Amino acid sequence: MPAETADRKMDMPRILLAADRSSSGKTTITAGLLAALTSRGYSVQPFKVALDYIDPSYHSEITGRRARNLDGYLMEEEGVLDVFTHACDVDGKADIAVIEGVRGLFEGLESLGETGSTAQVAKMLNCPVILIINARSITRSAAALVNGYKNFDPDVNIVGVILNNIGGMRHAKKAKEAVEHFTGVPVLGIIPRDNAMQISMRHLGLVPAIEERRRINDLDERITAIEKRVSEGIDIDKVLELARQAEPVEKPESSVFTARKTEGEAPVIGVALDEAFNFYYHNNLELLELAGAKIEYFSPIHDKSLPDVDALYLGGGYPELFASELEANESMKQDIKKASEAGLPIYGECGGLMYLTERITTGVKGKGTYHMAEMPESTHEMVGALPGHSLMGHKRVVSYNIGALDVDTIIGKCGNSFIGHEFHHSEVTELPSDAKFAIKLSRGTGIVDGWDGLVKNNTLGAYAHLEASSYKDFATTFVDAAAKYRSEKA
């Protein structure tokens, strides 16, 4: 093996928790395993397969390390390896990596291909897989499920099974015996049915960790209860043994996580972070800093004025649930609107887009339900930096999207293309006939008729969520826009 290749080898114990389907309990079990390993003194690097903000927020909260997303549709194999190896090093060398899968093990973008699936990432990282089975009301059938998953793609290395939602000792004994006898795969854990194994839910999934901590007093107690049940039900030592059997991974020859040489004082990008706005990929924030920016966090709910910044990044979240608080903070809304009119580069993603429009209406009736949070029927005035009325009904959009910039913008030049995603229950209505859009989608819904990226002045709001290690022009172009604004105002 050449010396340079050997230098790129990383020996990183790792395990991937997959499931037979959604709602099998993998998120809660992952949280418990992360807590149990952290309590034992391990530095645990968490990951989540596919694009999701909320599950990783708990991963980060529990481990104290920045959780990262791994997506085989957005990222080539080299990109997945780059994110994985970088994350395992950047916050101090991790002792073990724990990856939470998405949906069922083999669910992906297509019916006949593995792109975007947990299985694809498991193979890219040559990672041992523990399969979580929702064993409610089944015993021998659990063995049939395991054999089906094991034989569907033998290149996926299923090394153990966790049986969840077990009703009692007799149920546990029969299911465990059946799985081990008929499949040869060891049962590493038995998790009983227990209401303590729950984290609060709402219409986009779990309640984000930052909000859950501020909203309730017993988050630590809940996590501790989950950790206790996982520690009692799962053979943690065996999980560690299997994780250590993973072969070393190879770091890519070049990494996107490389600091850019810049001149002059770093432009300051204000990032909205509070209960209403907290959907950010850590890659995006880190890559903004590596591109030369300084990040300053602020709260559109709690802060009365905008900090002195050269650009604004308003991420996704739940502005609809905090619409009254956002409306009441008149001084913040006025600061942002004036800054927009003065040409400050402002980028709003999904929830940020909604906040930048003229108003938000919540509690719209007559459009069906989908785990909707309780919201009163009311309308709240927002910033008004962008035209339109954000209607929070029961529309549900969950999709990857593919787009290209139709004009030069603060997040990229005309012709730049990206793969991103959108996940929202709102729509922007009452747009003027001369509304301008920057993004043309070839896949996805966007704001109207396949167009996304509503633009006014130097402000851009979009339903598309971008992942900066995949769409590499985001960080550099946005930082350049901030630097330009800084130099012009000097």
Protein backbone atom coordinates (compact mmCIF):
# COMPACT_ATOMS: atom_id res chain seq x y z
CA MET A 1 0.00 0.00 0.00
CA PRO A 2 1.46 3.41 -0.95
CA ALA A 3 2.40 5.59 2.02
CA GLU A 4 -0.03 8.35 1.04
CA THR A 5 -2.91 5.85 0.95
CA ALA A 6 -1.93 4.43 4.34
CA ASP A 7 -1.89 7.97 5.76
CA ARG A 8 -5.50 8.42 4.65
CA LYS A 9 -6.73 5.32 6.47
CA MET A 10 -8.93 5.98 9.50
CA ASP A 11 -9.56 3.22 12.01
CA MET A 12 -12.99 4.21 13.31
CA PRO A 13 -15.24 1.75 15.17
CA ARG A 14 -18.76 2.26 13.86
CA ILE A 15 -22.24 0.81 13.89
CA LEU A 16 -25.39 1.64 11.95
CA LEU A 17 -28.86 1.29 13.47
CA ALA A 18 -31.40 0.46 10.77
CA ALA A 19 -35.04 -0.60 10.97
CA ASP A 20 -37.54 -2.76 9.17
CA ARG A 21 -39.77 0.32 8.62
CA SER A 22 -40.53 3.79 9.93
CA SER A 23 -41.86 3.99 13.50
CA SER A 24 -39.93 0.90 14.57
CA GLY A 25 -38.25 2.85 17.36
CA LYS A 26 -34.80 3.44 15.88
CA THR A 27 -34.64 7.13 16.80
CA THR A 28 -35.40 6.50 20.46
CA ILE A 29 -33.11 3.47 20.62
CA THR A 30 -30.35 5.45 18.89
CA ALA A 31 -30.77 8.23 21.47
CA GLY A 32 -30.52 5.69 24.29
CA LEU A 33 -27.42 4.05 22.82
CA LEU A 34 -25.73 7.43 22.29
CA ALA A 35 -26.48 8.35 25.92
CA ALA A 36 -25.29 4.99 27.23
CA LEU A 37 -21.98 5.16 25.35
CA THR A 38 -21.45 8.80 26.33
CA SER A 39 -22.11 7.94 29.99
CA ARG A 40 -19.41 5.29 29.74
CA GLY A 41 -16.94 8.00 28.79
CA TYR A 42 -16.77 7.42 25.04
CA SER A 43 -16.58 10.31 22.60
CA VAL A 44 -19.41 9.35 20.25
CA GLN A 45 -19.78 10.89 16.79
CA PRO A 46 -23.42 10.72 15.66
CA PHE A 47 -24.74 10.63 12.10
CA LYS A 48 -28.15 10.52 10.46
CA VAL A 49 -28.81 8.98 7.05
CA ALA A 50 -30.66 11.33 4.67
CA LEU A 51 -31.73 14.93 5.14
CA ASP A 52 -33.23 15.60 8.54
CA TYR A 53 -32.69 18.32 11.12
CA ILE A 54 -34.61 17.14 14.16
CA ASP A 55 -33.17 13.70 14.93
CA PRO A 56 -29.59 15.07 14.69
CA SER A 57 -30.52 17.85 17.13
CA TYR A 58 -30.99 15.16 19.79
CA HIS A 59 -27.82 13.38 18.73
CA SER A 60 -25.84 16.59 19.26
CA GLU A 61 -27.61 17.37 22.53
CA ILE A 62 -26.78 13.93 23.95
CA THR A 63 -23.20 13.50 22.75
CA GLY A 64 -21.91 17.09 22.76
CA ARG A 65 -20.60 16.56 19.23
CA ARG A 66 -22.01 18.05 16.01
CA ALA A 67 -24.21 15.44 14.33
CA ARG A 68 -23.86 15.18 10.54
CA ASN A 69 -26.08 13.92 7.73
CA LEU A 70 -25.01 11.32 5.17
CA ASP A 71 -27.05 11.17 1.97
CA GLY A 72 -26.21 8.90 -0.94
CA TYR A 73 -28.44 10.85 -3.32
CA LEU A 74 -26.96 14.28 -2.70
CA MET A 75 -23.42 13.01 -2.18
CA GLU A 76 -21.13 10.80 -4.20
CA GLU A 77 -19.38 8.06 -2.24
CA GLU A 78 -16.33 10.31 -1.85
CA GLY A 79 -18.58 13.00 -0.36
CA VAL A 80 -20.05 10.58 2.17
CA LEU A 81 -16.55 9.49 3.17
CA ASP A 82 -15.44 13.12 3.39
CA VAL A 83 -18.26 14.10 5.74
CA PHE A 84 -17.83 10.92 7.81
CA THR A 85 -14.08 11.12 8.29
CA HIS A 86 -14.08 14.88 8.85
CA ALA A 87 -16.80 14.67 11.50
CA CYS A 88 -14.97 11.91 13.34
CA ASP A 89 -11.88 14.15 13.61
CA VAL A 90 -12.94 17.80 13.77
CA ASP A 91 -14.37 17.91 17.32
CA GLY A 92 -11.49 15.83 18.64
CA LYS A 93 -10.98 12.24 17.56
CA ALA A 94 -14.10 10.20 18.21
CA ASP A 95 -13.94 6.79 19.87
CA ILE A 96 -16.90 5.40 17.98
CA ALA A 97 -19.38 6.51 15.32
CA VAL A 98 -23.09 5.69 15.59
CA ILE A 99 -25.25 6.16 12.49
CA GLU A 100 -29.04 6.29 12.60
CA GLY A 101 -30.72 5.09 9.42
CA VAL A 102 -33.80 6.50 7.75
CA ARG A 103 -37.14 4.73 7.28
CA GLY A 104 -36.74 1.04 6.40
CA LEU A 105 -33.25 -0.28 5.64
CA PHE A 106 -33.81 -0.47 1.89
CA GLU A 107 -36.14 2.49 1.33
CA GLY A 108 -34.66 4.98 -1.11
CA LEU A 109 -35.37 7.21 -4.03
CA GLU A 110 -36.52 4.43 -6.39
CA SER A 111 -38.26 1.09 -6.18
CA LEU A 112 -35.51 -0.79 -8.05
CA GLY A 113 -32.38 1.05 -6.89
CA GLU A 114 -30.66 1.68 -3.56
CA THR A 115 -29.88 5.39 -4.12
CA GLY A 116 -30.71 7.44 -1.05
CA SER A 117 -31.20 4.42 1.22
CA THR A 118 -29.68 3.43 4.53
CA ALA A 119 -28.34 0.30 2.86
CA GLN A 120 -26.42 2.39 0.32
CA VAL A 121 -24.66 4.38 3.07
CA ALA A 122 -23.94 1.18 5.01
CA LYS A 123 -22.14 -0.22 1.98
CA MET A 124 -20.31 3.04 1.21
CA LEU A 125 -18.90 3.02 4.76
CA ASN A 126 -18.52 -0.79 4.98
CA CYS A 127 -20.44 -0.49 8.23
CA PRO A 128 -21.87 -3.25 10.45
CA VAL A 129 -25.66 -2.95 10.70
CA ILE A 130 -27.95 -3.67 13.64
CA LEU A 131 -31.53 -4.23 12.47
CA ILE A 132 -34.30 -2.96 14.76
CA ILE A 133 -37.52 -4.94 14.38
CA ASN A 134 -40.89 -3.74 15.63
CA ALA A 135 -41.82 -7.09 17.17
CA ARG A 136 -45.20 -6.09 18.54
CA SER A 137 -47.49 -9.15 18.31
CA ILE A 138 -45.00 -11.30 16.35
CA THR A 139 -42.54 -14.06 17.33
CA ARG A 140 -41.52 -16.52 14.56
CA SER A 141 -42.48 -13.91 12.00
CA ALA A 142 -39.66 -11.78 13.33
CA ALA A 143 -37.27 -14.45 12.05
CA ALA A 144 -38.90 -14.32 8.63
CA LEU A 145 -38.42 -10.54 8.58
CA VAL A 146 -34.76 -10.81 9.54
CA ASN A 147 -34.10 -13.50 6.92
CA GLY A 148 -35.82 -11.38 4.30
CA TYR A 149 -33.67 -8.34 5.08
CA LYS A 150 -30.53 -10.45 5.39
CA ASN A 151 -31.03 -12.17 2.04
CA PHE A 152 -32.36 -9.18 0.09
CA ASP A 153 -28.84 -7.74 -0.24
CA PRO A 154 -26.07 -9.95 1.19
CA ASP A 155 -23.60 -7.08 0.78
CA VAL A 156 -25.30 -5.29 3.67
CA ASN A 157 -23.59 -6.68 6.78
CA ILE A 158 -26.38 -7.30 9.30
CA VAL A 159 -24.54 -8.32 12.47
CA GLY A 160 -27.30 -8.18 15.06
CA VAL A 161 -30.97 -7.60 15.82
CA ILE A 162 -32.80 -5.53 18.42
CA LEU A 163 -36.39 -6.57 19.12
CA ASN A 164 -38.53 -3.57 20.07
CA ASN A 165 -42.03 -3.35 21.57
CA ILE A 166 -41.79 -6.68 23.35
CA GLY A 167 -44.83 -7.49 25.49
CA GLY A 168 -43.31 -9.72 28.19
CA MET A 169 -40.80 -12.44 29.05
CA ARG A 170 -42.61 -15.18 27.10
CA HIS A 171 -42.88 -12.95 24.02
CA ALA A 172 -39.19 -12.06 24.33
CA LYS A 173 -38.07 -15.69 24.70
CA LYS A 174 -40.03 -16.97 21.69
CA ALA A 175 -39.02 -14.12 19.38
CA LYS A 176 -35.34 -14.30 20.36
CA GLU A 177 -35.19 -18.08 19.96
CA ALA A 178 -36.86 -17.91 16.55
CA VAL A 179 -34.60 -15.19 15.20
CA GLU A 180 -31.38 -16.81 16.36
CA HIS A 181 -32.42 -20.34 15.31
CA PHE A 182 -33.74 -19.53 11.83
CA THR A 183 -31.37 -16.69 10.84
CA GLY A 184 -28.11 -17.21 12.72
CA VAL A 185 -28.11 -13.49 13.58
CA PRO A 186 -27.69 -12.77 17.31
CA VAL A 187 -30.36 -10.80 19.16
CA LEU A 188 -28.42 -8.05 20.89
CA GLY A 189 -31.32 -6.43 22.66
CA ILE A 190 -34.89 -6.73 23.88
CA ILE A 191 -36.77 -3.46 24.42
CA PRO A 192 -40.16 -3.71 26.17
CA ARG A 193 -43.21 -1.65 25.35
CA ASP A 194 -42.84 1.42 27.51
CA ASN A 195 -44.32 4.90 27.34
CA ALA A 196 -41.05 6.25 28.73
CA MET A 197 -39.49 5.40 25.36
CA GLN A 198 -41.14 8.43 23.75
CA ILE A 199 -40.02 11.88 22.61
CA SER A 200 -42.56 14.60 21.78
CA MET A 201 -43.90 14.60 18.22
CA ARG A 202 -45.50 17.16 15.91
CA HIS A 203 -46.16 17.73 12.22
CA LEU A 204 -42.54 17.67 10.98
CA GLY A 205 -41.53 14.82 13.25
CA LEU A 206 -39.99 15.14 16.71
CA VAL A 207 -39.97 18.44 18.55
CA PRO A 208 -36.44 19.89 18.01
CA ALA A 209 -34.11 19.47 20.98
CA ILE A 210 -33.50 23.22 21.42
CA GLU A 211 -37.24 23.82 21.76
CA GLU A 212 -37.92 20.72 23.83
CA ARG A 213 -35.29 21.80 26.35
CA ARG A 214 -36.83 25.29 26.68
CA ARG A 215 -40.40 23.99 26.59
CA ILE A 216 -40.23 21.33 29.28
CA ASN A 217 -38.27 20.87 32.48
CA ASP A 218 -37.60 17.16 32.29
CA LEU A 219 -35.77 16.57 28.99
CA ASP A 220 -32.69 15.28 30.83
CA GLU A 221 -34.89 12.96 32.86
CA ARG A 222 -36.56 11.66 29.69
CA ILE A 223 -33.21 10.98 28.03
CA THR A 224 -31.97 9.31 31.24
CA ALA A 225 -35.06 7.08 31.30
CA ILE A 226 -34.47 6.08 27.66
CA GLU A 227 -30.78 5.45 28.39
CA LYS A 228 -31.70 3.24 31.36
CA ARG A 229 -34.03 1.06 29.33
CA VAL A 230 -31.54 0.74 26.47
CA SER A 231 -28.70 -0.09 28.86
CA GLU A 232 -30.84 -2.72 30.54
CA GLY A 233 -32.19 -4.17 27.30
CA ILE A 234 -29.19 -4.09 24.95
CA ASP A 235 -25.80 -5.78 25.27
CA ILE A 236 -23.71 -2.60 24.98
CA ASP A 237 -20.42 -4.51 25.27
CA LYS A 238 -21.41 -6.67 22.29
CA VAL A 239 -22.38 -3.58 20.28
CA LEU A 240 -18.92 -2.13 20.99
CA GLU A 241 -17.27 -5.40 19.96
CA LEU A 242 -19.13 -5.45 16.65
CA ALA A 243 -18.36 -1.78 16.01
CA ARG A 244 -14.65 -2.44 16.50
CA GLN A 245 -14.73 -5.15 13.85
CA ALA A 246 -15.36 -2.56 11.13
CA GLU A 247 -12.46 -2.21 8.70
CA PRO A 248 -10.66 1.16 8.43
CA VAL A 249 -12.17 3.72 6.05
CA GLU A 250 -10.16 5.78 3.59
CA LYS A 251 -10.23 9.57 3.67
CA PRO A 252 -10.65 11.23 0.25
CA GLU A 253 -7.56 12.79 -1.32
CA SER A 254 -9.13 16.24 -1.05
CA SER A 255 -11.77 17.54 1.35
CA VAL A 256 -14.45 20.19 0.97
CA PHE A 257 -13.70 21.08 4.60
CA THR A 258 -10.66 23.18 3.73
CA ALA A 259 -10.26 26.78 4.84
CA ARG A 260 -10.28 29.34 2.03
CA LYS A 261 -7.61 32.01 2.01
CA THR A 262 -9.25 35.44 2.30
CA GLU A 263 -8.06 38.98 2.80
CA GLY A 264 -9.33 41.66 5.14
CA GLU A 265 -11.61 41.39 8.14
CA ALA A 266 -14.05 38.49 8.10
CA PRO A 267 -17.63 39.44 7.18
CA VAL A 268 -20.17 38.66 9.90
CA ILE A 269 -23.16 36.47 9.03
CA GLY A 270 -26.04 36.66 11.48
CA VAL A 271 -27.71 33.27 11.94
CA ALA A 272 -31.19 33.14 13.49
CA LEU A 273 -31.23 30.52 16.24
CA ASP A 274 -34.06 30.02 18.72
CA GLU A 275 -37.26 27.99 19.17
CA ALA A 276 -38.63 29.21 15.83
CA PHE A 277 -35.49 28.86 13.69
CA ASN A 278 -33.12 25.96 14.32
CA PHE A 279 -33.04 23.81 11.17
CA TYR A 280 -29.39 24.08 10.13
CA TYR A 281 -26.93 21.51 8.88
CA HIS A 282 -23.69 21.79 10.81
CA ASN A 283 -21.87 21.38 7.49
CA ASN A 284 -23.47 24.61 6.23
CA LEU A 285 -22.39 26.65 9.24
CA GLU A 286 -18.89 25.20 9.33
CA LEU A 287 -18.39 25.71 5.61
CA LEU A 288 -19.46 29.35 5.91
CA GLU A 289 -16.71 29.79 8.50
CA LEU A 290 -14.17 27.93 6.36
CA ALA A 291 -15.12 30.21 3.45
CA GLY A 292 -14.07 33.17 5.59
CA ALA A 293 -17.12 34.29 7.58
CA LYS A 294 -17.68 34.88 11.26
CA ILE A 295 -21.00 33.55 12.59
CA GLU A 296 -23.05 35.55 15.09
CA TYR A 297 -26.23 33.98 16.42
CA PHE A 298 -29.32 36.00 17.29
CA SER A 299 -32.97 35.37 18.13
CA PRO A 300 -35.84 36.88 16.13
CA ILE A 301 -38.07 36.01 19.11
CA HIS A 302 -36.05 37.27 22.07
CA ASP A 303 -33.57 39.91 20.79
CA LYS A 304 -34.95 43.42 20.36
CA SER A 305 -32.51 44.51 17.65
CA LEU A 306 -30.48 43.04 14.83
CA PRO A 307 -26.76 42.68 15.56
CA ASP A 308 -24.22 44.48 13.36
CA VAL A 309 -23.90 41.97 10.52
CA ASP A 310 -23.01 41.82 6.83
CA ALA A 311 -25.55 39.13 5.89
CA LEU A 312 -28.42 37.17 7.43
CA TYR A 313 -29.18 33.44 7.32
CA LEU A 314 -32.70 32.58 8.46
CA GLY A 315 -33.01 28.80 8.58
CA GLY A 316 -36.02 26.57 8.75
CA GLY A 317 -38.04 25.72 11.81
CA TYR A 318 -41.47 26.46 13.23
CA PRO A 319 -42.28 30.16 12.79
CA GLU A 320 -45.95 29.19 12.54
CA LEU A 321 -45.93 27.97 16.15
CA PHE A 322 -44.26 31.15 17.40
CA ALA A 323 -46.04 33.55 15.07
CA SER A 324 -47.48 35.66 17.87
CA GLU A 325 -44.07 36.10 19.51
CA LEU A 326 -42.43 36.92 16.17
CA GLU A 327 -45.20 39.40 15.37
CA ALA A 328 -44.85 41.09 18.76
CA ASN A 329 -41.12 41.72 18.27
CA GLU A 330 -41.78 44.78 16.12
CA SER A 331 -38.29 46.26 16.48
CA MET A 332 -36.63 43.10 15.13
CA LYS A 333 -39.01 42.93 12.17
CA GLN A 334 -38.34 46.57 11.33
CA ASP A 335 -34.57 46.09 11.59
CA ILE A 336 -34.66 43.18 9.15
CA LYS A 337 -36.95 44.97 6.71
CA LYS A 338 -34.77 48.10 6.72
CA ALA A 339 -31.66 45.97 6.28
CA SER A 340 -33.28 44.22 3.32
CA GLU A 341 -34.21 47.56 1.73
CA ALA A 342 -30.60 48.69 2.22
CA GLY A 343 -29.35 45.70 0.23
CA LEU A 344 -28.14 43.45 3.06
CA PRO A 345 -27.72 39.88 1.71
CA ILE A 346 -30.50 37.89 3.39
CA TYR A 347 -31.13 34.20 2.76
CA GLY A 348 -34.23 32.50 4.19
CA GLU A 349 -34.88 28.75 3.98
CA CYS A 350 -38.46 27.50 4.37
CA GLY A 351 -39.34 28.84 7.82
CA GLY A 352 -37.04 31.76 7.10
CA LEU A 353 -38.94 32.36 3.85
CA MET A 354 -42.25 32.41 5.75
CA TYR A 355 -40.92 34.93 8.28
CA LEU A 356 -39.70 37.22 5.49
CA THR A 357 -43.13 37.36 3.81
CA GLU A 358 -45.83 39.85 4.78
CA ARG A 359 -47.88 37.63 7.06
CA ILE A 360 -48.49 34.08 8.29
CA THR A 361 -51.93 32.56 8.74
CA THR A 362 -52.20 29.47 10.96
CA GLY A 363 -54.92 26.96 11.69
CA VAL A 364 -56.38 26.86 8.18
CA LYS A 365 -59.30 24.44 8.13
CA GLY A 366 -60.50 21.92 5.60
CA LYS A 367 -57.28 20.52 4.15
CA GLY A 368 -56.87 17.24 6.02
CA THR A 369 -54.44 16.44 8.82
CA TYR A 370 -50.97 15.03 9.23
CA HIS A 371 -49.70 15.02 12.84
CA MET A 372 -50.49 18.72 12.97
CA ALA A 373 -49.63 20.69 16.06
CA GLU A 374 -52.46 22.60 17.67
CA MET A 375 -52.52 26.05 16.09
CA PRO A 376 -55.22 28.68 16.50
CA GLU A 377 -56.86 30.11 13.42
CA SER A 378 -55.19 33.52 13.24
CA THR A 379 -53.09 35.81 11.06
CA HIS A 380 -49.84 37.45 12.16
CA GLU A 381 -47.84 40.23 10.54
CA MET A 382 -44.28 39.26 9.63
CA VAL A 383 -41.23 41.14 8.25
CA GLY A 384 -42.53 42.00 4.77
CA ALA A 385 -39.11 41.97 3.14
CA LEU A 386 -40.62 39.62 0.56
CA PRO A 387 -44.15 39.74 -0.90
CA GLY A 388 -46.72 37.08 -0.22
CA HIS A 389 -48.90 35.52 2.46
CA SER A 390 -47.67 32.30 4.08
CA LEU A 391 -50.63 30.01 4.62
CA MET A 392 -50.07 27.30 7.21
CA GLY A 393 -52.68 24.72 6.29
CA HIS A 394 -52.43 20.97 6.00
CA LYS A 395 -50.56 20.81 2.72
CA ARG A 396 -47.63 18.42 3.02
CA VAL A 397 -44.58 18.52 0.77
CA VAL A 398 -41.76 16.05 1.43
CA SER A 399 -39.34 15.56 -1.44
CA TYR A 400 -35.86 15.87 -2.77
CA ASN A 401 -35.69 18.70 -5.23
CA ILE A 402 -33.39 19.54 -8.12
CA GLY A 403 -32.95 23.13 -9.14
CA ALA A 404 -30.86 25.57 -11.13
CA LEU A 405 -30.32 29.27 -10.56
CA ASP A 406 -31.96 31.34 -13.27
CA VAL A 407 -30.09 34.54 -12.32
CA ASP A 408 -27.03 35.53 -10.30
CA THR A 409 -27.90 35.44 -6.58
CA ILE A 410 -26.34 35.69 -3.13
CA ILE A 411 -26.13 31.86 -3.02
CA GLY A 412 -24.76 31.16 -6.50
CA LYS A 413 -24.39 32.26 -10.07
CA CYS A 414 -26.81 31.82 -12.94
CA GLY A 415 -26.64 28.23 -14.18
CA ASN A 416 -25.50 26.71 -10.88
CA SER A 417 -27.46 23.56 -10.11
CA PHE A 418 -28.16 21.74 -6.86
CA ILE A 419 -29.92 18.79 -5.31
CA GLY A 420 -31.71 19.72 -2.10
CA HIS A 421 -34.93 18.91 -0.31
CA GLU A 422 -38.16 20.52 0.84
CA PHE A 423 -40.32 19.59 3.80
CA HIS A 424 -43.18 21.92 4.66
CA HIS A 425 -46.88 22.26 5.38
CA SER A 426 -47.22 25.83 4.16
CA GLU A 427 -47.69 27.61 0.87
CA VAL A 428 -47.00 31.20 -0.18
CA THR A 429 -50.07 32.86 -1.67
CA GLU A 430 -51.19 36.33 -2.83
CA LEU A 431 -48.00 36.93 -4.80
CA PRO A 432 -47.98 39.98 -7.09
CA SER A 433 -47.88 39.42 -10.83
CA ASP A 434 -44.37 40.87 -11.03
CA ALA A 435 -42.89 38.64 -8.29
CA LYS A 436 -39.36 37.56 -9.20
CA PHE A 437 -37.93 34.08 -8.73
CA ALA A 438 -34.33 32.89 -8.88
CA ILE A 439 -34.64 29.10 -8.90
CA LYS A 440 -36.22 26.88 -11.56
CA LEU A 441 -36.95 23.37 -10.30
CA SER A 442 -36.82 20.28 -12.48
CA ARG A 443 -37.93 18.20 -9.47
CA GLY A 444 -39.92 19.43 -6.51
CA THR A 445 -42.74 21.85 -5.73
CA GLY A 446 -41.17 25.18 -4.79
CA ILE A 447 -43.30 28.29 -4.31
CA VAL A 448 -45.36 28.39 -7.50
CA ASP A 449 -45.38 26.51 -10.83
CA GLY A 450 -41.96 24.93 -10.32
CA TRP A 451 -40.32 28.22 -9.37
CA ASP A 452 -38.58 28.76 -6.05
CA GLY A 453 -36.31 31.40 -4.60
CA LEU A 454 -38.47 34.51 -4.22
CA VAL A 455 -36.23 37.57 -4.67
CA LYS A 456 -36.49 41.24 -3.72
CA ASN A 457 -33.53 43.60 -3.29
CA ASN A 458 -30.69 41.37 -2.05
CA THR A 459 -33.08 39.08 -0.16
CA LEU A 460 -33.81 35.52 -1.30
CA GLY A 461 -36.30 33.13 0.30
CA ALA A 462 -36.84 29.54 -0.82
CA TYR A 463 -38.52 26.33 0.24
CA ALA A 464 -35.43 24.47 -0.97
CA HIS A 465 -33.07 23.40 1.80
CA LEU A 466 -29.45 23.24 0.64
CA GLU A 467 -26.68 21.04 2.03
CA ALA A 468 -23.41 22.89 1.60
CA SER A 469 -21.07 19.90 1.32
CA SER A 470 -23.17 18.85 -1.67
CA TYR A 471 -23.93 22.27 -3.18
CA LYS A 472 -20.45 23.70 -2.76
CA ASP A 473 -21.15 27.16 -4.21
CA PHE A 474 -23.48 28.07 -1.36
CA ALA A 475 -20.88 28.94 1.26
CA THR A 476 -18.35 30.72 -0.95
CA THR A 477 -20.93 32.78 -2.85
CA PHE A 478 -22.84 33.81 0.28
CA VAL A 479 -19.65 34.80 2.10
CA ASP A 480 -18.51 36.77 -0.97
CA ALA A 481 -21.85 38.61 -0.99
CA ALA A 482 -21.41 39.44 2.69
CA ALA A 483 -17.84 40.63 2.12
CA LYS A 484 -18.97 42.84 -0.76
CA TYR A 485 -21.70 44.39 1.37
CA ARG A 486 -19.20 44.98 4.17
CA SER A 487 -16.75 46.76 1.86
CA GLU A 488 -19.48 48.92 0.31
CA LYS A 489 -20.81 50.11 3.67
CA ALA A 490 -17.33 50.88 5.02
